[in-house]
Amino acid sequence: MPDLSPHTSQRAAWLTRMMRSVPAWTGAILDHNERASPATKIDLSGIAIGNGIVNGTVQDNSFAEFAAKQGLIPPDAHPASDTAARMLADKTLGYSPNFYDYRLKSIDCCGCTSYNYSAWSHWFTKPAVTEALNVCGNAGDAAFAGCSGGCVDLPSFDRDDGFDYSNALSRALQQGIKLTFYYGKQDTACNYVGGYRVATESLQWAGAAAFKEAPLEPLLIGAETLGVFLAPFCTTKTRNACQDRLRTNKHIGKVEQRKPFVSAGGVETGSYKKLGLLHWVEVCENGLF
């Protein structure tokens, strides 16, 4: 890694919505710091991962449990797979839900991936934009032109990947680097149930057992209670409130073994847990995450 500043150490914090880029960068920085001189070490001050896929072994096959907790499938249903659970959720809701917010109907069109990204993606193909960004020729067309919607199809780019993503985050915690997970509870692409498994089951550090057993507590932002938290890992989640909002425009659910975030109007919106270096936050629909 190049010496970006010969006078001061570099400070860095990464935030991601999906995939495993943050743990991978975390591992790369920690590896670099083990070899670097004091002047070239990167001071990684904190890590934040929002609705992210970190460990497929832990997070895969979590949708059925997620759908049951959120009331997207009947309480007595026991789908045999996540695929079956998604089909049952479609039937229960009466529509095909948006991949990133099940309260909305998924949009199917050229340039759509649950949302319509066509206007945004086509903006990147305008001559004035490509010139300003110094894009060479049609280099961006594969991602932004036509119906791509800002995506490049690489279905197998990390297949058989041997990198230990949970271990990279564990190393960070072991070195005193703060880690926060935050999950919106309507997201079905990377649901909070699988994320919570990562936070409580896959990370090896001194506070792991205590964090797993710690109760969730109300999360207060300003004058309102907006979620629950679990220390030292920050998390926000609301189990039943989102489905209640979907059907009745009211949040009335309870958070099992977690204290609710309640606003001045009595609206339950999430929960959090914080213990030492680790934070877990889960929220329903505040529009914060």
Protein backbone atom coordinates (compact mmCIF):
# COMPACT_ATOMS: atom_id res chain seq x y z
CA MET A 1 0.00 0.00 0.00
CA PRO A 2 1.49 3.38 -0.94
CA ASP A 3 2.52 5.94 1.64
CA LEU A 4 -0.26 8.49 1.09
CA SER A 5 1.09 10.87 3.69
CA PRO A 6 4.65 10.82 5.04
CA HIS A 7 3.70 13.09 7.93
CA THR A 8 0.56 11.60 9.48
CA SER A 9 -0.99 8.19 9.86
CA GLN A 10 -4.07 7.52 7.76
CA ARG A 11 -7.50 7.25 9.36
CA ALA A 12 -10.16 5.13 7.75
CA ALA A 13 -13.70 3.88 8.34
CA TRP A 14 -15.79 1.85 5.90
CA LEU A 15 -19.51 1.74 5.47
CA THR A 16 -21.34 -0.65 3.15
CA ARG A 17 -24.85 -1.62 2.21
CA MET A 18 -24.26 -5.13 0.90
CA MET A 19 -21.74 -7.81 0.02
CA ARG A 20 -18.45 -8.49 1.79
CA SER A 21 -16.25 -5.60 0.75
CA VAL A 22 -15.94 -4.14 4.25
CA PRO A 23 -14.60 -7.32 5.92
CA ALA A 24 -12.26 -7.83 2.95
CA TRP A 25 -10.90 -4.27 3.22
CA THR A 26 -10.67 -4.70 6.98
CA GLY A 27 -8.52 -7.79 6.54
CA ALA A 28 -6.33 -6.03 3.96
CA ILE A 29 -5.74 -3.07 6.28
CA LEU A 30 -4.91 -5.28 9.25
CA ASP A 31 -2.49 -7.30 7.11
CA HIS A 32 -0.89 -4.08 5.87
CA ASN A 33 -0.51 -2.74 9.40
CA GLU A 34 1.30 -5.89 10.52
CA ARG A 35 4.07 -5.13 7.99
CA ALA A 36 3.98 -1.33 7.86
CA SER A 37 6.20 1.13 9.61
CA PRO A 38 4.53 3.36 12.23
CA ALA A 39 4.43 6.22 9.73
CA THR A 40 2.56 4.22 7.08
CA LYS A 41 0.06 2.33 9.23
CA ILE A 42 -3.62 3.02 8.61
CA ASP A 43 -5.53 3.94 11.76
CA LEU A 44 -8.76 2.02 11.27
CA SER A 45 -11.01 3.73 13.78
CA GLY A 46 -14.29 1.94 13.14
CA ILE A 47 -16.32 -0.36 10.90
CA ALA A 48 -20.03 -0.06 10.03
CA ILE A 49 -22.00 -2.60 8.02
CA GLY A 50 -25.61 -1.93 7.03
CA ASN A 51 -27.88 -4.79 5.89
CA GLY A 52 -24.77 -6.53 4.64
CA ILE A 53 -23.88 -10.07 3.64
CA VAL A 54 -20.84 -11.06 5.68
CA ASN A 55 -20.89 -14.82 6.15
CA GLY A 56 -23.00 -16.92 3.81
CA THR A 57 -22.61 -20.03 5.97
CA VAL A 58 -24.36 -18.23 8.81
CA GLN A 59 -26.73 -15.97 6.88
CA ASP A 60 -27.95 -18.31 4.14
CA ASN A 61 -31.32 -19.97 4.72
CA SER A 62 -32.45 -17.28 7.15
CA PHE A 63 -35.32 -15.89 5.08
CA ALA A 64 -37.93 -18.36 6.33
CA GLU A 65 -37.27 -17.40 9.95
CA PHE A 66 -37.21 -13.72 8.98
CA ALA A 67 -40.54 -14.02 7.14
CA ALA A 68 -42.14 -15.74 10.12
CA LYS A 69 -40.90 -13.07 12.57
CA GLN A 70 -42.18 -10.28 10.31
CA GLY A 71 -45.56 -11.90 9.73
CA LEU A 72 -44.97 -12.33 6.00
CA ILE A 73 -46.04 -15.98 6.16
CA PRO A 74 -48.68 -17.68 8.34
CA PRO A 75 -47.46 -18.49 11.88
CA ASP A 76 -48.17 -22.19 11.42
CA ALA A 77 -46.27 -22.42 8.11
CA HIS A 78 -43.01 -24.35 7.87
CA PRO A 79 -41.58 -23.80 4.37
CA ALA A 80 -38.89 -26.29 3.41
CA SER A 81 -36.57 -23.67 1.88
CA ASP A 82 -36.05 -19.94 1.52
CA THR A 83 -37.39 -20.18 -2.03
CA ALA A 84 -40.58 -21.77 -0.76
CA ALA A 85 -40.80 -19.12 1.97
CA ARG A 86 -40.51 -16.32 -0.60
CA MET A 87 -43.28 -17.84 -2.71
CA LEU A 88 -45.48 -18.14 0.37
CA ALA A 89 -44.71 -14.53 1.33
CA ASP A 90 -45.84 -13.38 -2.13
CA LYS A 91 -49.08 -15.27 -1.66
CA THR A 92 -49.64 -13.97 1.87
CA LEU A 93 -48.97 -10.34 0.92
CA GLY A 94 -50.91 -10.59 -2.32
CA TYR A 95 -48.09 -9.13 -4.37
CA SER A 96 -44.43 -9.66 -5.21
CA PRO A 97 -42.62 -7.49 -2.64
CA ASN A 98 -39.77 -5.13 -3.31
CA PHE A 99 -36.52 -6.95 -2.60
CA TYR A 100 -35.31 -4.13 -0.35
CA ASP A 101 -38.60 -3.11 1.32
CA TYR A 102 -41.36 -5.70 1.47
CA ARG A 103 -43.98 -2.99 2.15
CA LEU A 104 -43.68 -1.95 -1.50
CA LYS A 105 -44.58 -3.84 -4.65
CA SER A 106 -41.62 -4.84 -6.77
CA ILE A 107 -41.37 -3.00 -10.09
CA ASP A 108 -40.62 -5.02 -13.21
CA CYS A 109 -39.26 -3.00 -16.13
CA CYS A 110 -36.17 -2.32 -18.24
CA GLY A 111 -33.63 -0.99 -15.76
CA CYS A 112 -35.58 -2.18 -12.72
CA THR A 113 -34.35 -4.26 -9.80
CA SER A 114 -37.38 -3.97 -7.52
CA TYR A 115 -36.93 -0.17 -7.83
CA ASN A 116 -36.74 1.64 -11.17
CA TYR A 117 -33.09 2.67 -11.52
CA SER A 118 -33.25 3.57 -15.23
CA ALA A 119 -33.24 7.38 -14.88
CA TRP A 120 -30.29 7.21 -12.48
CA SER A 121 -28.30 4.73 -14.56
CA HIS A 122 -28.93 6.44 -17.90
CA TRP A 123 -27.68 9.73 -16.40
CA PHE A 124 -24.21 8.17 -16.23
CA THR A 125 -24.21 7.58 -19.99
CA LYS A 126 -24.77 11.24 -20.90
CA PRO A 127 -21.82 12.70 -22.84
CA ALA A 128 -21.41 15.58 -20.40
CA VAL A 129 -21.21 13.14 -17.48
CA THR A 130 -18.82 10.66 -19.08
CA GLU A 131 -16.59 13.55 -20.16
CA ALA A 132 -16.58 15.05 -16.68
CA LEU A 133 -15.73 11.67 -15.17
CA ASN A 134 -13.04 10.95 -17.79
CA VAL A 135 -14.75 7.73 -18.87
CA CYS A 136 -12.96 6.06 -21.77
CA GLY A 137 -15.29 5.47 -24.70
CA ASN A 138 -18.24 3.27 -23.77
CA ALA A 139 -16.58 1.76 -20.70
CA GLY A 140 -19.65 2.37 -18.53
CA ASP A 141 -22.27 0.99 -20.88
CA ALA A 142 -22.17 -2.55 -19.48
CA ALA A 143 -23.35 -1.21 -16.13
CA PHE A 144 -25.44 1.84 -16.97
CA ALA A 145 -26.78 1.62 -20.53
CA GLY A 146 -29.88 -0.21 -21.72
CA CYS A 147 -31.59 -2.25 -19.00
CA SER A 148 -28.55 -2.74 -16.79
CA GLY A 149 -29.78 -0.35 -14.10
CA GLY A 150 -26.28 0.19 -12.72
CA CYS A 151 -25.49 -3.51 -12.36
CA VAL A 152 -22.93 -5.77 -14.00
CA ASP A 153 -23.86 -9.45 -14.06
CA LEU A 154 -21.07 -11.34 -12.29
CA PRO A 155 -22.94 -14.27 -10.71
CA SER A 156 -19.88 -16.35 -9.87
CA PHE A 157 -17.24 -13.74 -9.09
CA ASP A 158 -16.78 -14.94 -5.49
CA ARG A 159 -17.80 -18.57 -5.86
CA ASP A 160 -15.56 -20.92 -3.86
CA ASP A 161 -14.03 -17.89 -2.15
CA GLY A 162 -11.88 -19.10 0.75
CA PHE A 163 -11.56 -15.77 2.57
CA ASP A 164 -12.80 -15.84 6.19
CA TYR A 165 -14.92 -12.69 6.43
CA SER A 166 -16.05 -13.24 10.01
CA ASN A 167 -12.45 -13.78 11.04
CA ALA A 168 -11.45 -10.41 9.56
CA LEU A 169 -14.08 -8.68 11.72
CA SER A 170 -13.06 -10.78 14.73
CA ARG A 171 -9.44 -9.63 14.28
CA ALA A 172 -10.62 -6.04 14.26
CA LEU A 173 -12.53 -6.47 17.51
CA GLN A 174 -9.55 -8.25 19.06
CA GLN A 175 -7.44 -5.20 18.19
CA GLY A 176 -9.87 -2.77 19.81
CA ILE A 177 -11.58 -1.52 16.64
CA LYS A 178 -15.26 -0.64 17.02
CA LEU A 179 -17.80 -2.52 14.88
CA THR A 180 -21.42 -1.59 14.25
CA PHE A 181 -24.11 -3.59 12.45
CA TYR A 182 -27.34 -1.86 11.55
CA TYR A 183 -30.26 -3.45 9.76
CA GLY A 184 -33.56 -2.16 8.44
CA LYS A 185 -36.21 -4.76 9.15
CA GLN A 186 -38.08 -4.52 5.83
CA ASP A 187 -35.06 -5.54 3.77
CA THR A 188 -35.37 -9.06 2.34
CA ALA A 189 -32.13 -9.06 0.34
CA CYS A 190 -29.90 -9.16 3.45
CA ASN A 191 -32.33 -9.64 6.31
CA TYR A 192 -31.66 -8.75 9.93
CA VAL A 193 -32.16 -12.32 11.20
CA GLY A 194 -29.13 -13.52 9.27
CA GLY A 195 -27.21 -10.39 10.25
CA TYR A 196 -27.92 -10.99 13.92
CA ARG A 197 -26.55 -14.51 13.57
CA VAL A 198 -23.29 -13.04 12.28
CA ALA A 199 -23.09 -10.63 15.21
CA THR A 200 -23.84 -13.21 17.89
CA GLU A 201 -22.61 -16.54 16.47
CA SER A 202 -19.67 -16.03 14.12
CA LEU A 203 -17.39 -13.45 15.75
CA GLN A 204 -14.61 -14.56 18.07
CA TRP A 205 -13.52 -11.92 20.55
CA ALA A 206 -13.29 -11.40 24.31
CA GLY A 207 -16.81 -9.98 24.65
CA ALA A 208 -18.60 -12.48 22.40
CA ALA A 209 -20.43 -14.45 25.12
CA ALA A 210 -21.42 -11.36 27.08
CA PHE A 211 -22.69 -9.65 23.94
CA LYS A 212 -24.82 -12.62 22.95
CA GLU A 213 -26.46 -12.69 26.38
CA ALA A 214 -26.88 -8.92 26.74
CA PRO A 215 -30.47 -7.64 26.45
CA LEU A 216 -31.58 -5.14 23.87
CA GLU A 217 -32.36 -1.68 25.16
CA PRO A 218 -34.27 1.34 23.80
CA LEU A 219 -32.44 3.48 21.28
CA LEU A 220 -33.08 7.19 21.75
CA ILE A 221 -32.42 9.73 19.00
CA GLY A 222 -33.26 13.26 20.02
CA ALA A 223 -36.51 13.24 21.97
CA GLU A 224 -37.76 10.01 20.44
CA THR A 225 -37.09 6.36 21.09
CA LEU A 226 -36.28 4.84 17.72
CA GLY A 227 -35.04 1.34 18.28
CA VAL A 228 -33.24 -1.10 20.52
CA PHE A 229 -29.57 -1.87 20.99
CA LEU A 230 -27.36 -4.69 22.15
CA ALA A 231 -23.88 -3.87 23.49
CA PRO A 232 -21.09 -3.91 22.60
CA PHE A 233 -22.54 -4.59 19.22
CA CYS A 234 -25.06 -2.10 17.92
CA THR A 235 -28.23 -3.50 16.40
CA THR A 236 -31.68 -2.31 15.65
CA LYS A 237 -34.58 -4.64 15.01
CA THR A 238 -38.30 -4.71 15.41
CA ARG A 239 -40.02 -8.04 15.11
CA ASN A 240 -43.71 -7.38 14.55
CA ALA A 241 -44.09 -3.65 14.13
CA CYS A 242 -43.35 -3.55 10.40
CA GLN A 243 -46.09 -6.00 9.47
CA ASP A 244 -48.50 -4.07 11.70
CA ARG A 245 -47.58 -0.87 9.85
CA LEU A 246 -48.08 -2.63 6.55
CA ARG A 247 -51.65 -3.61 7.44
CA THR A 248 -52.91 -0.98 9.89
CA ASN A 249 -50.46 1.94 9.66
CA LYS A 250 -49.63 1.39 13.34
CA HIS A 251 -46.69 -0.20 15.15
CA ILE A 252 -48.02 -2.38 17.98
CA GLY A 253 -45.70 -5.41 18.15
CA LYS A 254 -43.39 -6.41 20.98
CA VAL A 255 -39.70 -7.17 20.76
CA GLU A 256 -38.90 -10.49 22.37
CA GLN A 257 -36.05 -10.19 24.89
CA ARG A 258 -35.41 -6.69 23.64
CA LYS A 259 -36.64 -3.35 24.90
CA PRO A 260 -38.61 -1.37 22.28
CA PHE A 261 -37.75 2.03 20.87
CA VAL A 262 -40.91 4.06 21.38
CA SER A 263 -41.42 7.55 20.05
CA ALA A 264 -43.39 10.25 21.85
CA GLY A 265 -46.43 9.02 19.95
CA GLY A 266 -46.03 5.46 21.18
CA VAL A 267 -44.63 4.08 17.93
CA GLU A 268 -42.32 1.09 18.29
CA THR A 269 -39.62 1.32 15.67
CA GLY A 270 -36.67 -0.83 16.63
CA SER A 271 -34.10 -1.92 19.19
CA TYR A 272 -30.37 -1.85 19.85
CA LYS A 273 -27.64 -3.62 21.79
CA LYS A 274 -24.26 -2.20 22.73
CA LEU A 275 -21.44 -3.87 24.64
CA GLY A 276 -17.92 -2.53 24.54
CA LEU A 277 -16.71 -2.47 20.94
CA LEU A 278 -19.73 -4.10 19.34
CA HIS A 279 -23.06 -2.49 18.51
CA TRP A 280 -26.23 -3.92 16.95
CA VAL A 281 -29.13 -1.77 15.73
CA GLU A 282 -32.37 -2.79 14.04
CA VAL A 283 -35.05 -0.37 12.90
CA CYS A 284 -38.42 -0.63 11.27
CA GLU A 285 -39.11 2.40 9.11
CA ASN A 286 -37.61 5.62 10.35
CA GLY A 287 -35.87 6.29 7.09
CA LEU A 288 -32.58 6.58 8.97
CA PHE A 289 -30.85 3.63 7.38
